[in-house]
Amino acid sequence: MRSAHGTKTSEVRAAYGYFRLVDSDEEAMQVEENLHSYATSQGLDLVGVYRDRYPHFRLDELVELLRDRRISHLVVPSSTHVSAHPILWQGFSAAVREGGGAEIHEVD
């Protein structure tokens, strides 16, 4: 990518964070801080965080958000944070990749 002056600049890639219900506001703040730190270390610009407050996945909302905002990177705390069940994780990651067009990055 080149700046207006014709010099090369590094491209910052837009990303969104995602995490599920946590036990406290303090824990939520820590998770969000970890998502931001990871994104920055990977050259991603975390433009927002989707907090899934429902006991069941709301993948339609997440996929629509990624697709509509053309976000190609999703940062999650870990696969087990999203779901301890491997089949649910596979469904989540397939929906994000195929429906939302985003690559998943795991902090842990």
N, C-alpha and C. Protein backbone atom coordinates (compact mmCIF):
# COMPACT_ATOMS: atom_id res chain seq x y z
N MET A 1 0.85 -1.17 0.00
CA MET A 1 0.00 0.00 0.00
C MET A 1 0.90 1.23 0.00
N ARG A 2 0.50 2.24 -0.72
CA ARG A 2 1.28 3.47 -0.79
C ARG A 2 0.50 4.63 -0.21
N SER A 3 1.22 5.53 0.43
CA SER A 3 0.60 6.72 1.00
C SER A 3 0.35 7.72 -0.12
N ALA A 4 -0.27 8.85 0.22
CA ALA A 4 -0.53 9.91 -0.76
C ALA A 4 0.76 10.48 -1.33
N HIS A 5 1.86 10.30 -0.60
CA HIS A 5 3.16 10.84 -1.04
C HIS A 5 3.95 9.82 -1.85
N GLY A 6 3.36 8.64 -2.11
CA GLY A 6 4.02 7.64 -2.93
C GLY A 6 4.96 6.72 -2.17
N THR A 7 5.06 6.88 -0.85
CA THR A 7 5.94 6.00 -0.08
C THR A 7 5.15 4.79 0.40
N LYS A 8 5.84 3.69 0.58
CA LYS A 8 5.18 2.47 1.04
C LYS A 8 4.75 2.61 2.49
N THR A 9 3.56 2.13 2.79
CA THR A 9 3.08 2.07 4.16
C THR A 9 2.63 0.65 4.42
N SER A 10 2.67 0.24 5.67
CA SER A 10 2.18 -1.11 5.97
C SER A 10 0.66 -1.07 6.04
N GLU A 11 0.06 -2.11 5.52
CA GLU A 11 -1.39 -2.18 5.48
C GLU A 11 -1.90 -2.75 6.80
N VAL A 12 -2.81 -2.04 7.44
CA VAL A 12 -3.44 -2.52 8.66
C VAL A 12 -4.74 -3.19 8.25
N ARG A 13 -4.93 -4.41 8.72
CA ARG A 13 -6.09 -5.19 8.34
C ARG A 13 -7.16 -5.08 9.42
N ALA A 14 -8.38 -4.80 9.00
CA ALA A 14 -9.49 -4.66 9.93
C ALA A 14 -9.88 -6.03 10.49
N ALA A 15 -10.17 -6.05 11.79
CA ALA A 15 -10.58 -7.28 12.46
C ALA A 15 -11.68 -6.96 13.46
N TYR A 16 -12.40 -7.99 13.84
CA TYR A 16 -13.41 -7.87 14.87
C TYR A 16 -13.08 -8.90 15.94
N GLY A 17 -13.37 -8.59 17.18
CA GLY A 17 -13.18 -9.54 18.27
C GLY A 17 -14.51 -10.21 18.59
N TYR A 18 -14.43 -11.37 19.22
CA TYR A 18 -15.62 -12.11 19.61
C TYR A 18 -15.36 -12.83 20.91
N PHE A 19 -16.32 -12.72 21.84
CA PHE A 19 -16.28 -13.60 23.01
C PHE A 19 -17.67 -13.84 23.54
N ARG A 20 -17.81 -14.99 24.22
CA ARG A 20 -19.08 -15.41 24.78
C ARG A 20 -19.21 -14.90 26.21
N LEU A 21 -20.33 -15.20 26.80
CA LEU A 21 -20.61 -14.81 28.18
C LEU A 21 -19.43 -15.11 29.09
N VAL A 22 -19.13 -14.18 29.98
CA VAL A 22 -18.13 -14.38 31.01
C VAL A 22 -18.76 -14.04 32.36
N ASP A 23 -18.06 -14.37 33.45
CA ASP A 23 -18.65 -14.27 34.78
C ASP A 23 -18.78 -12.85 35.33
N SER A 24 -17.92 -11.94 34.92
CA SER A 24 -17.96 -10.60 35.52
C SER A 24 -17.54 -9.54 34.51
N ASP A 25 -17.83 -8.28 34.85
CA ASP A 25 -17.40 -7.17 34.00
C ASP A 25 -15.88 -7.08 33.96
N GLU A 26 -15.23 -7.40 35.09
CA GLU A 26 -13.77 -7.36 35.13
C GLU A 26 -13.17 -8.39 34.18
N GLU A 27 -13.76 -9.59 34.17
CA GLU A 27 -13.29 -10.63 33.26
C GLU A 27 -13.54 -10.22 31.81
N ALA A 28 -14.68 -9.62 31.53
CA ALA A 28 -14.98 -9.15 30.18
C ALA A 28 -13.96 -8.11 29.73
N MET A 29 -13.60 -7.21 30.61
CA MET A 29 -12.60 -6.19 30.28
C MET A 29 -11.25 -6.84 29.99
N GLN A 30 -10.88 -7.85 30.76
CA GLN A 30 -9.61 -8.55 30.55
C GLN A 30 -9.60 -9.30 29.22
N VAL A 31 -10.69 -9.97 28.92
CA VAL A 31 -10.79 -10.69 27.64
C VAL A 31 -10.67 -9.70 26.49
N GLU A 32 -11.39 -8.60 26.59
CA GLU A 32 -11.35 -7.60 25.52
C GLU A 32 -9.95 -7.01 25.36
N GLU A 33 -9.28 -6.75 26.47
CA GLU A 33 -7.91 -6.24 26.43
C GLU A 33 -6.98 -7.26 25.74
N ASN A 34 -7.16 -8.54 26.05
CA ASN A 34 -6.34 -9.58 25.41
C ASN A 34 -6.59 -9.64 23.90
N LEU A 35 -7.85 -9.48 23.49
CA LEU A 35 -8.17 -9.47 22.07
C LEU A 35 -7.46 -8.30 21.37
N HIS A 36 -7.52 -7.12 21.99
CA HIS A 36 -6.87 -5.94 21.42
C HIS A 36 -5.36 -6.13 21.33
N SER A 37 -4.75 -6.65 22.39
CA SER A 37 -3.30 -6.85 22.40
C SER A 37 -2.87 -7.82 21.32
N TYR A 38 -3.59 -8.92 21.21
CA TYR A 38 -3.27 -9.91 20.19
C TYR A 38 -3.40 -9.29 18.80
N ALA A 39 -4.51 -8.62 18.56
CA ALA A 39 -4.74 -8.02 17.24
C ALA A 39 -3.60 -7.08 16.87
N THR A 40 -3.22 -6.22 17.79
CA THR A 40 -2.14 -5.28 17.53
C THR A 40 -0.84 -6.01 17.20
N SER A 41 -0.55 -7.07 17.95
CA SER A 41 0.69 -7.83 17.72
C SER A 41 0.71 -8.52 16.36
N GLN A 42 -0.47 -8.74 15.77
CA GLN A 42 -0.58 -9.41 14.47
C GLN A 42 -0.80 -8.43 13.32
N GLY A 43 -0.72 -7.13 13.60
CA GLY A 43 -0.93 -6.13 12.56
C GLY A 43 -2.38 -5.97 12.17
N LEU A 44 -3.28 -6.30 13.11
CA LEU A 44 -4.72 -6.16 12.87
C LEU A 44 -5.24 -4.94 13.63
N ASP A 45 -6.22 -4.29 13.05
CA ASP A 45 -6.90 -3.17 13.70
C ASP A 45 -8.24 -3.66 14.20
N LEU A 46 -8.37 -3.87 15.50
CA LEU A 46 -9.61 -4.37 16.08
C LEU A 46 -10.62 -3.23 16.11
N VAL A 47 -11.53 -3.23 15.16
CA VAL A 47 -12.48 -2.12 15.00
C VAL A 47 -13.72 -2.27 15.86
N GLY A 48 -13.89 -3.43 16.50
CA GLY A 48 -15.03 -3.65 17.37
C GLY A 48 -14.96 -5.03 18.00
N VAL A 49 -15.82 -5.24 18.99
CA VAL A 49 -15.89 -6.54 19.67
C VAL A 49 -17.35 -6.95 19.77
N TYR A 50 -17.63 -8.15 19.34
CA TYR A 50 -18.97 -8.73 19.43
C TYR A 50 -19.03 -9.57 20.70
N ARG A 51 -19.85 -9.16 21.65
CA ARG A 51 -20.04 -9.91 22.89
C ARG A 51 -21.30 -10.75 22.75
N ASP A 52 -21.12 -12.06 22.68
CA ASP A 52 -22.26 -12.96 22.53
C ASP A 52 -22.83 -13.23 23.91
N ARG A 53 -23.96 -12.63 24.21
CA ARG A 53 -24.57 -12.70 25.54
C ARG A 53 -25.63 -13.79 25.65
N TYR A 54 -25.80 -14.56 24.59
CA TYR A 54 -26.86 -15.56 24.56
C TYR A 54 -26.30 -16.93 24.93
N PRO A 55 -27.13 -17.78 25.53
CA PRO A 55 -26.64 -19.11 25.89
C PRO A 55 -26.36 -19.99 24.66
N HIS A 56 -26.97 -19.66 23.53
CA HIS A 56 -26.74 -20.39 22.28
C HIS A 56 -26.15 -19.43 21.27
N PHE A 57 -25.38 -19.97 20.32
CA PHE A 57 -24.76 -19.14 19.30
C PHE A 57 -25.78 -18.30 18.55
N ARG A 58 -25.41 -17.07 18.25
CA ARG A 58 -26.19 -16.20 17.37
C ARG A 58 -25.36 -15.96 16.12
N LEU A 59 -25.04 -17.03 15.43
CA LEU A 59 -24.13 -16.95 14.29
C LEU A 59 -24.67 -16.08 13.16
N ASP A 60 -25.99 -16.05 13.00
CA ASP A 60 -26.54 -15.23 11.93
C ASP A 60 -26.15 -13.77 12.11
N GLU A 61 -26.22 -13.25 13.34
CA GLU A 61 -25.86 -11.86 13.60
C GLU A 61 -24.37 -11.62 13.37
N LEU A 62 -23.54 -12.53 13.85
CA LEU A 62 -22.09 -12.39 13.70
C LEU A 62 -21.69 -12.45 12.23
N VAL A 63 -22.18 -13.42 11.51
CA VAL A 63 -21.84 -13.58 10.10
C VAL A 63 -22.31 -12.36 9.30
N GLU A 64 -23.49 -11.88 9.58
CA GLU A 64 -24.00 -10.69 8.89
C GLU A 64 -23.11 -9.48 9.17
N LEU A 65 -22.70 -9.31 10.41
CA LEU A 65 -21.82 -8.20 10.78
C LEU A 65 -20.50 -8.29 10.00
N LEU A 66 -19.88 -9.45 9.99
CA LEU A 66 -18.61 -9.62 9.28
C LEU A 66 -18.77 -9.34 7.78
N ARG A 67 -19.83 -9.89 7.22
CA ARG A 67 -20.06 -9.73 5.78
C ARG A 67 -20.38 -8.28 5.42
N ASP A 68 -21.29 -7.66 6.18
CA ASP A 68 -21.71 -6.29 5.86
C ASP A 68 -20.60 -5.27 6.04
N ARG A 69 -19.76 -5.48 7.03
CA ARG A 69 -18.66 -4.53 7.28
C ARG A 69 -17.37 -4.93 6.58
N ARG A 70 -17.44 -6.04 5.82
CA ARG A 70 -16.29 -6.53 5.07
C ARG A 70 -15.06 -6.73 5.97
N ILE A 71 -15.31 -7.38 7.09
CA ILE A 71 -14.26 -7.71 8.05
C ILE A 71 -13.73 -9.09 7.69
N SER A 72 -12.43 -9.20 7.46
CA SER A 72 -11.88 -10.48 7.02
C SER A 72 -11.07 -11.20 8.10
N HIS A 73 -11.10 -10.69 9.33
CA HIS A 73 -10.39 -11.34 10.44
C HIS A 73 -11.25 -11.28 11.70
N LEU A 74 -11.37 -12.42 12.37
CA LEU A 74 -12.09 -12.50 13.63
C LEU A 74 -11.14 -13.04 14.69
N VAL A 75 -11.00 -12.31 15.79
CA VAL A 75 -10.10 -12.71 16.88
C VAL A 75 -10.95 -13.24 18.03
N VAL A 76 -10.65 -14.47 18.45
CA VAL A 76 -11.37 -15.11 19.56
C VAL A 76 -10.36 -15.49 20.64
N PRO A 77 -10.80 -15.58 21.91
CA PRO A 77 -9.86 -15.97 22.97
C PRO A 77 -9.24 -17.35 22.71
N SER A 78 -10.05 -18.32 22.34
CA SER A 78 -9.58 -19.68 22.03
C SER A 78 -10.77 -20.46 21.48
N SER A 79 -10.48 -21.58 20.87
CA SER A 79 -11.57 -22.41 20.37
C SER A 79 -12.41 -22.94 21.52
N THR A 80 -11.77 -23.27 22.64
CA THR A 80 -12.53 -23.79 23.78
C THR A 80 -13.33 -22.71 24.49
N HIS A 81 -12.95 -21.46 24.35
CA HIS A 81 -13.77 -20.37 24.89
C HIS A 81 -15.07 -20.28 24.09
N VAL A 82 -14.96 -20.44 22.80
CA VAL A 82 -16.15 -20.40 21.94
C VAL A 82 -17.04 -21.59 22.24
N SER A 83 -16.45 -22.79 22.29
CA SER A 83 -17.20 -23.98 22.64
C SER A 83 -16.23 -25.10 23.04
N ALA A 84 -16.54 -25.76 24.14
CA ALA A 84 -15.73 -26.91 24.56
C ALA A 84 -16.02 -28.13 23.69
N HIS A 85 -17.08 -28.07 22.92
CA HIS A 85 -17.46 -29.19 22.08
C HIS A 85 -16.87 -29.01 20.68
N PRO A 86 -16.03 -29.94 20.22
CA PRO A 86 -15.36 -29.78 18.92
C PRO A 86 -16.30 -29.61 17.73
N ILE A 87 -17.44 -30.27 17.74
CA ILE A 87 -18.36 -30.15 16.61
C ILE A 87 -18.97 -28.74 16.56
N LEU A 88 -19.28 -28.18 17.72
CA LEU A 88 -19.80 -26.80 17.73
C LEU A 88 -18.74 -25.82 17.26
N TRP A 89 -17.48 -26.04 17.67
CA TRP A 89 -16.39 -25.18 17.21
C TRP A 89 -16.25 -25.28 15.69
N GLN A 90 -16.34 -26.48 15.14
CA GLN A 90 -16.24 -26.66 13.70
C GLN A 90 -17.37 -25.93 12.97
N GLY A 91 -18.59 -26.01 13.52
CA GLY A 91 -19.72 -25.29 12.92
C GLY A 91 -19.53 -23.78 12.98
N PHE A 92 -19.05 -23.30 14.13
CA PHE A 92 -18.79 -21.87 14.31
C PHE A 92 -17.74 -21.40 13.30
N SER A 93 -16.62 -22.12 13.24
CA SER A 93 -15.54 -21.68 12.36
C SER A 93 -15.93 -21.78 10.89
N ALA A 94 -16.71 -22.79 10.53
CA ALA A 94 -17.17 -22.89 9.14
C ALA A 94 -18.10 -21.73 8.79
N ALA A 95 -18.99 -21.37 9.69
CA ALA A 95 -19.91 -20.25 9.44
C ALA A 95 -19.14 -18.94 9.28
N VAL A 96 -18.14 -18.73 10.13
CA VAL A 96 -17.35 -17.50 10.07
C VAL A 96 -16.55 -17.45 8.76
N ARG A 97 -15.92 -18.56 8.40
CA ARG A 97 -15.10 -18.60 7.19
C ARG A 97 -15.95 -18.52 5.93
N GLU A 98 -16.95 -19.39 5.85
CA GLU A 98 -17.72 -19.51 4.61
C GLU A 98 -18.82 -18.45 4.50
N GLY A 99 -19.53 -18.21 5.58
CA GLY A 99 -20.61 -17.23 5.54
C GLY A 99 -20.14 -15.80 5.70
N GLY A 100 -19.17 -15.61 6.62
CA GLY A 100 -18.69 -14.26 6.89
C GLY A 100 -17.46 -13.88 6.10
N GLY A 101 -16.78 -14.87 5.52
CA GLY A 101 -15.58 -14.59 4.75
C GLY A 101 -14.39 -14.16 5.58
N ALA A 102 -14.34 -14.59 6.83
CA ALA A 102 -13.28 -14.14 7.74
C ALA A 102 -12.39 -15.29 8.18
N GLU A 103 -11.15 -14.96 8.39
CA GLU A 103 -10.16 -15.87 8.96
C GLU A 103 -10.24 -15.75 10.48
N ILE A 104 -10.15 -16.87 11.19
CA ILE A 104 -10.21 -16.85 12.65
C ILE A 104 -8.81 -16.88 13.23
N HIS A 105 -8.58 -16.02 14.22
CA HIS A 105 -7.32 -15.98 14.96
C HIS A 105 -7.62 -16.30 16.42
N GLU A 106 -6.90 -17.25 16.99
CA GLU A 106 -7.08 -17.60 18.40
C GLU A 106 -5.96 -16.97 19.23
N VAL A 107 -6.33 -16.27 20.29
CA VAL A 107 -5.35 -15.64 21.18
C VAL A 107 -4.52 -16.71 21.88
N ASP A 108 -5.19 -17.72 22.42
CA ASP A 108 -4.47 -18.82 23.13
C ASP A 108 -4.26 -20.00 22.23
